[in-house]
C-alpha atoms as a PDB file:
ATOM      1  CA  LEU A   1     120.878  85.580 155.295  1.00  0.00           C
ATOM      2  CA  ILE A   2     117.150  84.888 155.364  1.00  0.00           C
ATOM      3  CA  PRO A   3     114.862  86.762 152.941  1.00  0.00           C
ATOM      4  CA  ASN A   4     111.219  87.569 153.633  1.00  0.00           C
ATOM      5  CA  ASP A   5     110.045  85.964 150.389  1.00  0.00           C
ATOM      6  CA  ASP A   6     110.664  82.942 148.127  1.00  0.00           C
ATOM      7  CA  GLU A   7     112.383  84.883 145.330  1.00  0.00           C
ATOM      8  CA  VAL A   8     115.972  84.430 144.160  1.00  0.00           C
ATOM      9  CA  HIS A   9     118.256  87.121 145.604  1.00  0.00           C
ATOM     10  CA  GLY A  10     121.833  88.201 144.954  1.00  0.00           C
ATOM     11  CA  TYR A  11     124.093  88.795 147.954  1.00  0.00           C
ATOM     12  CA  ASP A  12     127.313  90.798 148.012  1.00  0.00           C
ATOM     13  CA  LEU A  13     129.429  90.454 151.186  1.00  0.00           C
ATOM     14  CA  ARG A  14     132.255  93.018 151.195  1.00  0.00           C
ATOM     15  CA  TRP A  15     135.584  93.181 153.010  1.00  0.00           C
ATOM     16  CA  HIS A  16     137.505  96.468 152.826  1.00  0.00           C
ATOM     17  CA  LEU A  17     141.304  96.514 153.098  1.00  0.00           C
ATOM     18  CA  ASP A  18     143.719  99.435 153.249  1.00  0.00           C
ATOM     19  CA  SER A  19     146.006  97.819 150.682  1.00  0.00           C
ATOM     20  CA  THR A  20     146.336  97.267 146.952  1.00  0.00           C
ATOM     21  CA  GLU A  21     149.087  94.641 147.302  1.00  0.00           C
ATOM     22  CA  THR A  22     146.943  91.519 147.029  1.00  0.00           C
ATOM     23  CA  VAL A  23     146.599  88.063 145.541  1.00  0.00           C
ATOM     24  CA  LEU A  24     143.484  85.972 144.882  1.00  0.00           C
ATOM     25  CA  ASP A  25     143.533  82.197 144.427  1.00  0.00           C
ATOM     26  CA  ASP A  26     140.691  81.670 141.938  1.00  0.00           C
ATOM     27  CA  LYS A  27     140.400  77.944 142.723  1.00  0.00           C
ATOM     28  CA  SER A  28     140.001  78.198 146.517  1.00  0.00           C
ATOM     29  CA  GLY A  29     138.603  81.732 146.704  1.00  0.00           C
ATOM     30  CA  ILE A  30     141.270  82.663 149.246  1.00  0.00           C
ATOM     31  CA  PHE A  31     142.252  86.302 149.142  1.00  0.00           C
ATOM     32  CA  ARG A  32     145.446  87.573 150.752  1.00  0.00           C
ATOM     33  CA  SER A  33     147.012  90.996 151.215  1.00  0.00           C
ATOM     34  CA  THR A  34     150.766  90.948 150.545  1.00  0.00           C
ATOM     35  CA  ASP A  35     152.234  94.183 151.915  1.00  0.00           C
ATOM     36  CA  SER A  36     155.995  93.711 152.409  1.00  0.00           C
ATOM     37  CA  GLY A  37     157.159  94.185 156.003  1.00  0.00           C
ATOM     38  CA  LEU A  38     153.611  94.766 157.301  1.00  0.00           C
ATOM     39  CA  PRO A  39     150.933  92.582 158.902  1.00  0.00           C
ATOM     40  CA  ASN A  40     148.626  91.065 156.277  1.00  0.00           C
ATOM     41  CA  LEU A  41     145.308  89.249 156.183  1.00  0.00           C
ATOM     42  CA  GLU A  42     143.942  86.084 154.583  1.00  0.00           C
ATOM     43  CA  ILE A  43     140.209  85.978 153.851  1.00  0.00           C
ATOM     44  CA  VAL A  44     139.208  82.311 153.604  1.00  0.00           C
ATOM     45  CA  PRO A  45     135.688  81.198 152.565  1.00  0.00           C
ATOM     46  CA  LEU A  46     134.976  77.979 154.498  1.00  0.00           C
ATOM     47  CA  LEU A  47     131.810  76.802 152.783  1.00  0.00           C
ATOM     48  CA  ASP A  48     131.943  74.921 149.483  1.00  0.00           C
ATOM     49  CA  THR A  49     132.961  77.589 146.987  1.00  0.00           C
ATOM     50  CA  HIS A  50     131.245  76.116 143.888  1.00  0.00           C
ATOM     51  CA  ASP A  51     128.426  78.680 144.221  1.00  0.00           C
ATOM     52  CA  LEU A  52     130.609  81.519 145.549  1.00  0.00           C
ATOM     53  CA  LYS A  53     132.285  84.102 143.342  1.00  0.00           C
ATOM     54  CA  VAL A  54     135.190  86.068 144.813  1.00  0.00           C
ATOM     55  CA  ARG A  55     136.145  89.377 143.232  1.00  0.00           C
ATOM     56  CA  ALA A  56     138.642  92.050 144.242  1.00  0.00           C
ATOM     57  CA  THR A  57     138.283  95.660 143.150  1.00  0.00           C
ATOM     58  CA  SER A  58     140.588  98.673 143.589  1.00  0.00           C
ATOM     59  CA  ALA A  59     140.111 102.324 142.626  1.00  0.00           C
ATOM     60  CA  ARG A  60     136.859 101.847 140.701  1.00  0.00           C
ATOM     61  CA  GLU A  61     134.715 104.881 139.959  1.00  0.00           C
ATOM     62  CA  SER A  62     131.963 103.390 137.795  1.00  0.00           C
ATOM     63  CA  PRO A  63     129.292 101.969 137.855  1.00  0.00           C
ATOM     64  CA  GLU A  64     129.783 102.489 141.611  1.00  0.00           C
ATOM     65  CA  ILE A  65     132.654 103.858 143.679  1.00  0.00           C
ATOM     66  CA  LEU A  66     134.488 100.886 145.138  1.00  0.00           C
ATOM     67  CA  GLY A  67     137.994 100.082 146.365  1.00  0.00           C
ATOM     68  CA  TRP A  68     138.985 103.382 147.928  1.00  0.00           C
ATOM     69  CA  ASP A  69     140.252 104.506 151.331  1.00  0.00           C
ATOM     70  CA  ALA A  70     138.293 107.697 151.898  1.00  0.00           C
ATOM     71  CA  PHE A  71     139.356 108.328 155.495  1.00  0.00           C
ATOM     72  CA  ASP A  72     140.564 111.714 154.250  1.00  0.00           C
ATOM     73  CA  PRO A  73     137.795 112.689 151.789  1.00  0.00           C
ATOM     74  CA  THR A  74     139.977 115.413 150.276  1.00  0.00           C
ATOM     75  CA  ALA A  75     142.638 112.871 149.235  1.00  0.00           C
ATOM     76  CA  PRO A  76     141.129 109.387 148.722  1.00  0.00           C
ATOM     77  CA  LYS A  77     143.664 106.690 147.914  1.00  0.00           C
ATOM     78  CA  PRO A  78     143.214 103.321 146.194  1.00  0.00           C
ATOM     79  CA  ALA A  79     142.458 100.389 148.499  1.00  0.00           C
ATOM     80  CA  THR A  80     140.879  96.980 147.899  1.00  0.00           C
ATOM     81  CA  THR A  81     137.321  95.749 148.322  1.00  0.00           C
ATOM     82  CA  VAL A  82     136.987  91.950 148.352  1.00  0.00           C
ATOM     83  CA  ARG A  83     133.508  90.794 147.376  1.00  0.00           C
ATOM     84  CA  HIS A  84     131.950  87.394 148.148  1.00  0.00           C
ATOM     85  CA  LEU A  85     128.988  86.999 145.767  1.00  0.00           C
ATOM     86  CA  LYS A  86     126.212  84.402 145.951  1.00  0.00           C
ATOM     87  CA  THR A  87     122.771  84.010 144.462  1.00  0.00           C
ATOM     88  CA  GLY A  88     120.079  81.884 146.025  1.00  0.00           C
ATOM     89  CA  ARG A  89     116.561  81.253 147.194  1.00  0.00           C
ATOM     90  CA  GLY A  90     115.799  80.884 150.889  1.00  0.00           C
ATOM     91  CA  ARG A  91     118.580  80.912 153.483  1.00  0.00           C
ATOM     92  CA  VAL A  92     122.010  81.765 152.051  1.00  0.00           C
ATOM     93  CA  THR A  93     125.049  81.291 154.290  1.00  0.00           C
ATOM     94  CA  PHE A  94     128.553  82.727 154.186  1.00  0.00           C
ATOM     95  CA  VAL A  95     131.218  81.346 156.542  1.00  0.00           C
ATOM     96  CA  THR A  96     134.471  83.287 156.313  1.00  0.00           C
ATOM     97  CA  LEU A  97     137.676  82.887 158.302  1.00  0.00           C
ATOM     98  CA  LEU A  98     139.859  85.989 158.720  1.00  0.00           C
ATOM     99  CA  VAL A  99     143.476  84.953 159.365  1.00  0.00           C
ATOM    100  CA  PRO A 100     145.865  87.713 160.477  1.00  0.00           C
ATOM    101  CA  LEU A 101     149.448  87.316 159.258  1.00  0.00           C
ATOM    102  CA  ARG A 102     152.532  88.614 161.044  1.00  0.00           C
ATOM    103  CA  PRO A 103     154.961  90.750 159.006  1.00  0.00           C
ATOM    104  CA  GLY A 104     157.051  88.510 156.769  1.00  0.00           C
ATOM    105  CA  VAL A 105     154.624  85.552 156.921  1.00  0.00           C
ATOM    106  CA  SER A 106     153.267  84.829 153.447  1.00  0.00           C
ATOM    107  CA  TYR A 107     150.397  82.543 154.524  1.00  0.00           C
ATOM    108  CA  ASP A 108     149.073  80.817 157.642  1.00  0.00           C
ATOM    109  CA  TRP A 109     146.078  78.821 156.402  1.00  0.00           C
ATOM    110  CA  LYS A 110     146.746  75.317 155.064  1.00  0.00           C
ATOM    111  CA  SER A 111     143.489  73.364 154.718  1.00  0.00           C
ATOM    112  CA  HIS A 112     140.009  72.935 156.109  1.00  0.00           C
ATOM    113  CA  SER A 113     137.216  70.410 156.192  1.00  0.00           C
ATOM    114  CA  GLN A 114     133.629  70.529 157.300  1.00  0.00           C
ATOM    115  CA  THR A 115     133.346  67.806 159.941  1.00  0.00           C
ATOM    116  CA  GLY A 116     129.629  68.121 160.688  1.00  0.00           C
ATOM    117  CA  ASP A 117     126.596  70.251 159.892  1.00  0.00           C
ATOM    118  CA  GLU A 118     127.919  73.046 162.115  1.00  0.00           C
ATOM    119  CA  THR A 119     131.609  72.211 162.592  1.00  0.00           C
ATOM    120  CA  TRP A 120     134.880  72.793 160.734  1.00  0.00           C
ATOM    121  CA  ARG A 121     138.473  71.768 161.336  1.00  0.00           C
ATOM    122  CA  VAL A 122     141.081  74.193 160.012  1.00  0.00           C
ATOM    123  CA  GLU A 123     144.774  73.333 159.746  1.00  0.00           C
ATOM    124  CA  LEU A 124     147.203  76.240 160.003  1.00  0.00           C
ATOM    125  CA  ALA A 125     150.602  76.222 158.283  1.00  0.00           C
ATOM    126  CA  ASP A 126     152.448  75.835 161.603  1.00  0.00           C
ATOM    127  CA  GLY A 127     150.656  72.538 162.369  1.00  0.00           C
ATOM    128  CA  ARG A 128     148.029  73.896 164.760  1.00  0.00           C
ATOM    129  CA  PHE A 129     144.388  72.988 164.242  1.00  0.00           C
ATOM    130  CA  LEU A 130     141.427  75.251 164.813  1.00  0.00           C
ATOM    131  CA  SER A 131     138.056  73.685 165.609  1.00  0.00           C
ATOM    132  CA  LEU A 132     135.047  75.866 164.826  1.00  0.00           C
ATOM    133  CA  ARG A 133     131.345  75.514 165.480  1.00  0.00           C
ATOM    134  CA  ILE A 134     129.168  77.811 163.387  1.00  0.00           C
ATOM    135  CA  PRO A 135     125.503  77.178 164.256  1.00  0.00           C
ATOM    136  CA  ALA A 136     122.897  77.003 161.503  1.00  0.00           C
ATOM    137  CA  ASP A 137     120.650  79.108 163.751  1.00  0.00           C
ATOM    138  CA  PRO A 138     122.257  82.574 163.716  1.00  0.00           C
ATOM    139  CA  GLY A 139     120.762  83.319 167.137  1.00  0.00           C
ATOM    140  CA  ARG A 140     123.029  80.753 168.838  1.00  0.00           C
ATOM    141  CA  ASP A 141     126.560  81.416 170.068  1.00  0.00           C
ATOM    142  CA  LEU A 142     129.649  80.767 167.944  1.00  0.00           C
ATOM    143  CA  ALA A 143     132.496  78.715 169.423  1.00  0.00           C
ATOM    144  CA  GLY A 144     136.088  77.927 168.590  1.00  0.00           C
ATOM    145  CA  ASN A 145     139.322  76.625 170.055  1.00  0.00           C
ATOM    146  CA  VAL A 146     142.901  75.991 168.957  1.00  0.00           C
ATOM    147  CA  ASP A 147     144.553  72.578 169.372  1.00  0.00           C
END
């Protein structure tokens, strides 16, 4: 995210899930849905999380409506909104890995490391590695492959 001025800005990246069965690891910032017998999702922040706050909200009505599935506006149901929050001056970057989980699988992400200015190596629980290149210039193409 690149502002048009030199002021400090707050950024709020939101992920909306049709679930309230969730768990958040406060240390790593990893958020996971945990619906029994259904596919789930891990939301993994890849950048250093010391300046990232991760919050999850369900069925909130004030100060803003957040954490609802309003597909049927006559009968909204609680859902979850995961928020990645950062504050900064100049360019602010979020790099987030979305890991789909098969039914019955409790997690698939194991570890990650930034191997260069634009590259990450992610280890999955089954021993596979994912190599990612996320360019600093958002106009360039993203790339990835699984080992």
